[in-house]
Amino acid sequence: MAILYIIGTPIGNLGDISFRAAEIFKSADLVACEDTRRTLKLLSHLGIRVKMLSCRSQNEEAAAEKVIQALKQGQTVAYASDAGTPALSDPGAVLAAKAAQAGYDVIPVPGPSAFAALLSVAGGRDKTVVFEGFLSPKPGRRRSRLRELMAMDAACVIYESPFRILKLLGDIAEIDKERYICVGREMTKVHEEYLRGTAAEIFAIFEQKKENIGEFSLYISGN
């Protein structure tokens, strides 16, 4: 039976892959993925060899048509983004929509997510949490959106690269230096780290660092 599975994959530690995800990868006729090199590393870890198809943000429309052709042939297709859950600041939404519109079952296989992982350890008590993902790299747009987010009663989760993390923390502290935030770095990896405190306290810590390495996720409590 032709089914498209959308699979959550480890954000760092390969041991976080679920038994169900591994079984579906094993049984799939085709694995579509954001980066074949990254997914190949995971499949090799699981001892799986399968036909692969690149399906990234730059070619998702065209790749979706290839996936639909495979589904028309009765094949089982699994999709994985580089790390975490597809469509959360990752490709996958276009593929899922097109396959569903073509009449095929699109089934989620829940797995790791930097968003959910950070929420579980942030210690926040906000009832509502907004997932924002990456903000604009342009300073003006970034600050404008931050002000909007931090004016809400809801908490928010933001992703940021090591190249802009200090500027982002500085913007947050400038808007509200007493706001509680939690920063997760390199989550589930060897050098994972979590810092909790006011925006001013966390900014001061990062100002003293010689360099900031790794990918960052930030939890900002509601107003």
Protein backbone atom coordinates (compact mmCIF):
# COMPACT_ATOMS: atom_id res chain seq x y z
CA MET A 1 0.00 0.00 0.00
CA ALA A 2 1.44 3.38 -1.01
CA ILE A 3 2.06 5.56 2.03
CA LEU A 4 4.25 8.59 2.69
CA TYR A 5 5.75 8.56 6.18
CA ILE A 6 7.07 11.82 7.63
CA ILE A 7 9.75 10.79 10.12
CA GLY A 8 11.29 12.70 13.01
CA THR A 9 15.02 11.95 13.25
CA PRO A 10 17.69 12.64 15.91
CA ILE A 11 18.79 16.24 16.41
CA GLY A 12 22.23 15.04 17.46
CA ASN A 13 22.45 11.74 19.30
CA LEU A 14 21.70 8.92 16.85
CA GLY A 15 20.50 6.78 19.76
CA ASP A 16 17.34 8.91 19.84
CA ILE A 17 15.93 7.27 16.70
CA SER A 18 12.72 5.40 17.56
CA PHE A 19 12.20 1.67 16.96
CA ARG A 20 9.23 2.49 14.73
CA ALA A 21 11.19 4.98 12.65
CA ALA A 22 13.97 2.42 12.13
CA GLU A 23 11.47 -0.24 11.05
CA ILE A 24 9.82 2.09 8.54
CA PHE A 25 13.17 3.08 7.07
CA LYS A 26 13.95 -0.65 6.69
CA SER A 27 10.68 -1.37 4.91
CA ALA A 28 10.64 1.74 2.68
CA ASP A 29 11.13 1.47 -1.07
CA LEU A 30 12.39 5.05 -1.21
CA VAL A 31 13.78 7.49 1.34
CA ALA A 32 13.39 11.15 0.41
CA CYS A 33 15.47 13.50 2.52
CA GLU A 34 16.72 17.05 2.89
CA ASP A 35 20.39 16.07 2.64
CA THR A 36 21.26 12.60 1.37
CA ARG A 37 24.66 12.73 3.08
CA ARG A 38 23.19 13.42 6.51
CA THR A 39 20.46 10.82 6.17
CA LEU A 40 22.90 8.27 4.74
CA LYS A 41 24.90 8.57 7.96
CA LEU A 42 21.78 7.72 9.98
CA LEU A 43 20.76 4.84 7.69
CA SER A 44 24.30 3.43 7.78
CA HIS A 45 24.16 3.56 11.58
CA LEU A 46 21.00 1.44 11.36
CA GLY A 47 22.51 -0.91 8.78
CA ILE A 48 19.99 0.10 6.12
CA ARG A 49 20.60 0.40 2.37
CA VAL A 50 17.77 1.91 0.34
CA LYS A 51 17.22 4.11 -2.69
CA MET A 52 17.39 7.81 -1.76
CA LEU A 53 16.03 11.03 -3.24
CA SER A 54 17.09 14.62 -2.44
CA CYS A 55 14.11 16.70 -1.29
CA ARG A 56 15.30 20.02 0.13
CA SER A 57 13.75 23.47 0.28
CA GLN A 58 15.35 24.46 -3.05
CA ASN A 59 13.83 21.56 -5.01
CA GLU A 60 10.89 20.44 -2.85
CA GLU A 61 8.25 21.14 -5.51
CA ALA A 62 10.00 19.02 -8.15
CA ALA A 63 11.03 16.32 -5.69
CA ALA A 64 7.45 16.04 -4.45
CA GLU A 65 6.35 15.13 -7.97
CA LYS A 66 8.95 12.33 -8.03
CA VAL A 67 7.69 11.07 -4.68
CA ILE A 68 4.11 11.08 -5.99
CA GLN A 69 5.23 9.05 -9.00
CA ALA A 70 6.75 6.50 -6.62
CA LEU A 71 3.51 6.40 -4.64
CA LYS A 72 1.56 5.84 -7.85
CA GLN A 73 3.68 2.74 -8.38
CA GLY A 74 2.59 1.45 -4.98
CA GLN A 75 5.87 2.22 -3.24
CA THR A 76 6.29 3.09 0.43
CA VAL A 77 8.17 6.37 0.85
CA ALA A 78 9.79 7.76 4.00
CA TYR A 79 10.79 11.40 4.33
CA ALA A 80 13.33 12.83 6.77
CA SER A 81 14.79 16.31 7.11
CA ASP A 82 18.38 16.80 8.30
CA ALA A 83 17.53 16.56 11.99
CA GLY A 84 14.38 16.79 14.07
CA THR A 85 10.83 16.92 12.80
CA PRO A 86 10.11 17.91 9.18
CA ALA A 87 8.22 21.19 8.63
CA LEU A 88 9.54 22.70 11.89
CA SER A 89 12.02 25.15 10.35
CA ASP A 90 12.79 22.32 7.92
CA PRO A 91 11.40 21.21 4.55
CA GLY A 92 8.55 18.70 4.41
CA ALA A 93 5.35 20.76 4.43
CA VAL A 94 5.19 21.09 0.63
CA LEU A 95 5.77 17.37 0.14
CA ALA A 96 3.15 16.42 2.74
CA ALA A 97 0.57 18.76 1.20
CA LYS A 98 1.12 17.58 -2.37
CA ALA A 99 1.00 13.89 -1.44
CA ALA A 100 -2.20 14.40 0.55
CA GLN A 101 -3.77 16.40 -2.29
CA ALA A 102 -2.90 13.54 -4.66
CA GLY A 103 -4.96 11.23 -2.46
CA TYR A 104 -2.24 9.35 -0.60
CA ASP A 105 -2.01 8.69 3.12
CA VAL A 106 0.58 10.92 4.81
CA ILE A 107 1.45 9.45 8.20
CA PRO A 108 3.62 11.09 10.90
CA VAL A 109 6.22 9.07 12.77
CA PRO A 110 6.85 11.27 15.84
CA GLY A 111 10.42 11.80 16.87
CA PRO A 112 12.97 14.30 18.18
CA SER A 113 12.44 18.05 17.91
CA ALA A 114 14.65 20.82 19.24
CA PHE A 115 11.45 22.76 19.98
CA ALA A 116 9.94 20.04 22.18
CA ALA A 117 13.28 19.12 23.73
CA LEU A 118 13.92 22.69 24.88
CA LEU A 119 10.40 23.08 26.26
CA SER A 120 10.88 19.97 28.39
CA VAL A 121 13.85 21.46 30.26
CA ALA A 122 13.20 25.23 30.09
CA GLY A 123 11.17 25.30 33.29
CA GLY A 124 8.68 27.75 31.84
CA ARG A 125 5.08 27.85 33.03
CA ASP A 126 3.47 29.58 30.08
CA LYS A 127 0.29 27.89 28.93
CA THR A 128 0.78 29.03 25.33
CA VAL A 129 4.05 28.76 23.42
CA VAL A 130 4.66 30.23 19.97
CA PHE A 131 7.16 28.49 17.71
CA GLU A 132 8.93 31.18 15.68
CA GLY A 133 11.98 29.34 14.35
CA PHE A 134 14.65 31.55 12.79
CA LEU A 135 14.17 35.30 12.84
CA SER A 136 15.27 37.56 9.99
CA PRO A 137 19.05 38.11 9.83
CA LYS A 138 18.36 41.80 9.19
CA PRO A 139 18.73 43.73 12.49
CA GLY A 140 15.71 45.97 12.00
CA ARG A 141 13.33 43.18 11.12
CA ARG A 142 14.73 40.96 13.89
CA ARG A 143 14.18 43.58 16.59
CA SER A 144 10.73 44.48 15.30
CA ARG A 145 9.57 40.86 15.39
CA LEU A 146 11.17 40.33 18.80
CA ARG A 147 9.20 43.24 20.23
CA GLU A 148 6.00 41.74 18.86
CA LEU A 149 6.77 38.31 20.28
CA MET A 150 7.86 39.62 23.69
CA ALA A 151 4.73 41.77 24.00
CA MET A 152 2.54 38.66 23.98
CA ASP A 153 1.37 36.73 27.02
CA ALA A 154 2.68 33.59 25.34
CA ALA A 155 6.22 32.27 25.52
CA CYS A 156 8.14 31.72 22.28
CA VAL A 157 10.89 29.48 21.00
CA ILE A 158 13.49 30.80 18.56
CA TYR A 159 16.34 29.09 16.74
CA GLU A 160 19.62 30.88 16.04
CA SER A 161 23.03 30.24 14.52
CA PRO A 162 26.33 30.72 16.38
CA PHE A 163 27.07 33.75 14.18
CA ARG A 164 24.11 35.81 15.43
CA ILE A 165 23.38 34.43 18.90
CA LEU A 166 25.14 37.28 20.75
CA LYS A 167 23.28 39.95 18.77
CA LEU A 168 19.97 38.18 19.39
CA LEU A 169 20.60 37.95 23.13
CA GLY A 170 21.59 41.61 23.17
CA ASP A 171 18.33 42.57 21.47
CA ILE A 172 16.29 40.52 23.96
CA ALA A 173 18.07 42.11 26.93
CA GLU A 174 17.55 45.57 25.48
CA ILE A 175 13.79 44.98 25.16
CA ASP A 176 13.39 43.44 28.63
CA LYS A 177 16.50 42.71 30.68
CA GLU A 178 14.49 40.93 33.40
CA ARG A 179 12.71 38.50 31.05
CA TYR A 180 13.34 34.83 31.88
CA ILE A 181 14.98 32.86 29.09
CA CYS A 182 16.53 29.43 28.64
CA VAL A 183 19.18 28.79 26.00
CA GLY A 184 19.96 25.30 24.75
CA ARG A 185 23.18 24.68 22.85
CA GLU A 186 24.15 21.52 20.94
CA MET A 187 21.20 19.64 22.40
CA THR A 188 21.66 15.84 22.76
CA LYS A 189 25.25 16.15 21.52
CA VAL A 190 28.52 15.69 23.42
CA HIS A 191 28.87 19.34 24.43
CA GLU A 192 25.21 20.13 25.13
CA GLU A 193 24.61 23.01 27.51
CA TYR A 194 21.61 24.80 29.04
CA LEU A 195 21.68 28.28 30.53
CA ARG A 196 18.73 29.75 32.45
CA GLY A 197 18.25 33.21 33.87
CA THR A 198 17.21 36.74 33.02
CA ALA A 199 17.98 38.12 29.59
CA ALA A 200 20.63 40.40 31.07
CA GLU A 201 22.31 37.55 32.95
CA ILE A 202 22.47 35.26 29.92
CA PHE A 203 23.70 38.07 27.66
CA ALA A 204 26.52 38.84 30.12
CA ILE A 205 27.59 35.19 30.10
CA PHE A 206 27.75 35.07 26.31
CA GLU A 207 29.60 38.40 26.13
CA GLN A 208 32.46 36.81 28.07
CA LYS A 209 32.77 33.81 25.74
CA LYS A 210 35.58 33.90 23.19
CA GLU A 211 33.41 32.14 20.63
CA ASN A 212 29.98 30.55 20.40
CA ILE A 213 29.97 27.12 18.80
CA GLY A 214 26.94 25.02 17.86
CA GLU A 215 23.28 25.52 17.10
CA PHE A 216 21.09 27.36 19.58
CA SER A 217 17.45 27.19 20.68
CA LEU A 218 15.97 29.86 22.93
CA TYR A 219 12.92 29.82 25.16
CA ILE A 220 11.62 33.31 26.02
CA SER A 221 8.92 33.48 28.67
CA GLY A 222 5.72 35.41 28.07
CA ASN A 223 5.19 39.04 29.09
